[in-house]
Protein backbone atom coordinates (compact mmCIF):
# COMPACT_ATOMS: atom_id res chain seq x y z
CA MET A 1 1.97 16.30 6.92
CA SER A 2 4.61 13.76 6.03
CA GLU A 3 4.90 11.15 3.33
CA TRP A 4 5.35 7.54 4.42
CA CYS A 5 6.95 4.75 2.39
CA ILE A 6 5.23 1.45 3.12
CA ILE A 7 6.18 -2.07 2.07
CA ILE A 8 3.81 -4.89 2.95
CA ASN A 9 4.01 -8.55 1.94
CA ASP A 10 1.09 -10.66 0.84
CA LYS A 11 0.28 -13.68 2.99
CA LYS A 12 1.54 -16.96 1.56
CA GLY A 13 -1.10 -18.59 -0.61
CA SER A 14 -3.37 -15.53 -0.74
CA ASN A 15 -5.18 -14.70 -3.98
CA ARG A 16 -5.49 -10.96 -4.48
CA SER A 17 -7.44 -11.37 -7.74
CA GLU A 18 -10.63 -12.06 -5.77
CA LEU A 19 -10.49 -8.60 -4.13
CA LEU A 20 -8.71 -6.62 -6.83
CA SER A 21 -11.73 -4.66 -8.09
CA GLN A 22 -12.68 -3.66 -4.52
CA HIS A 23 -9.05 -2.73 -3.83
CA PHE A 24 -8.90 -0.44 -6.89
CA ALA A 25 -12.27 1.12 -6.00
CA GLY A 26 -10.89 2.03 -2.57
CA ILE A 27 -7.72 3.52 -4.01
CA SER A 28 -9.40 6.17 -6.19
CA PRO A 29 -10.74 8.30 -3.31
CA LEU A 30 -7.35 8.15 -1.55
CA VAL A 31 -5.61 9.43 -4.69
CA GLU A 32 -8.21 12.16 -5.22
CA GLN A 33 -7.77 13.31 -1.58
CA GLY A 34 -3.96 13.39 -1.94
CA ILE A 35 -3.51 10.65 0.68
CA LEU A 36 -2.04 8.03 -1.68
CA THR A 37 0.66 9.50 -3.90
CA CYS A 38 2.08 6.24 -5.28
CA GLY A 39 1.26 2.58 -5.02
CA GLY A 40 1.60 -0.74 -6.75
CA ALA A 41 2.51 -4.38 -6.58
CA ILE A 42 6.04 -5.56 -5.83
CA TYR A 43 7.30 -8.82 -7.31
CA ASN A 44 9.52 -11.75 -6.41
CA ASP A 45 12.38 -12.71 -8.72
CA ASP A 46 10.17 -15.42 -10.25
CA GLY A 47 7.55 -12.84 -11.25
CA SER A 48 4.99 -13.75 -8.60
CA VAL A 49 3.45 -10.97 -6.52
CA ALA A 50 5.33 -10.43 -3.26
CA GLY A 51 3.15 -7.64 -1.86
CA SER A 52 2.68 -3.90 -2.23
CA HIS A 53 4.49 -0.59 -2.03
CA LEU A 54 2.53 2.51 -0.98
CA GLN A 55 3.38 6.18 -0.51
CA ILE A 56 0.88 7.67 1.94
CA VAL A 57 0.57 11.28 3.15
CA ALA A 58 -0.37 11.48 6.83
CA ASP A 59 0.49 13.43 9.97
CA THR A 60 1.80 10.37 11.81
CA LYS A 61 3.03 6.83 11.22
CA GLU A 62 -0.05 5.60 13.08
CA GLN A 63 -2.37 7.47 10.69
CA ALA A 64 -0.55 5.98 7.71
CA LEU A 65 -0.98 2.53 9.24
CA GLU A 66 -4.72 3.16 9.65
CA VAL A 67 -4.99 3.87 5.92
CA VAL A 68 -3.32 0.51 5.23
CA LYS A 69 -5.58 -1.32 7.69
CA GLY A 70 -8.66 0.18 5.99
CA ASP A 71 -7.81 -1.36 2.61
CA VAL A 72 -9.69 -4.48 1.52
CA PHE A 73 -6.36 -6.27 1.05
CA ALA A 74 -5.84 -5.85 4.82
CA THR A 75 -9.41 -6.62 5.92
CA GLY A 76 -9.69 -9.47 3.39
CA GLY A 77 -6.56 -11.27 4.57
CA ILE A 78 -4.32 -10.62 1.56
CA TRP A 79 -1.70 -8.43 3.23
CA ASP A 80 0.43 -9.83 6.05
CA LEU A 81 0.12 -6.96 8.53
CA ASP A 82 2.92 -8.48 10.64
CA SER A 83 5.35 -7.89 7.74
CA ILE A 84 4.66 -4.17 7.30
CA VAL A 85 7.60 -1.77 7.12
CA ILE A 86 6.92 1.98 7.35
CA TYR A 87 9.48 4.74 6.96
CA LYS A 88 9.04 8.50 6.87
CA PHE A 89 9.93 9.51 3.32
CA ALA A 90 11.35 12.75 1.96
CA CYS A 91 11.00 12.71 -1.81
CA ALA A 92 13.93 14.35 -3.60
CA VAL A 93 12.62 13.83 -7.14
CA ARG A 94 9.42 12.45 -8.65
CA GLN A 95 8.82 11.92 -12.35
CA PRO A 96 5.30 11.57 -13.70
CA LYS A 97 4.53 8.11 -15.01
C-alpha cells in the first residue's frame, strides 16, 4: 500500500454547499477503513474555495483515482477531474490535529 497526495480543483462556478452533507457522509467510511488519512478544502488568496487536498491509501495511482471518482463532489460535478494532480507520497512526519 502507498499513500497518494491528491490536489483537485473545483469547477468554476460550482457550489459545493449543495452536496456538502453527502460529501461528509461519504468521507466517514473512508476514514474508518484507513483509506483517507487527510483531506480538506484548499483556498484561493481571496479566501474562496479552490478545490480539495486528499491523502489516500491505495495500492496504485489508479485505485486512488477511483476513490476520488466515487466521491459525490466528482459525480455531482463539483470537482474538475481534468485538473487532478496525484503524487505518490512518503510521509516523513505527521502531527495530530
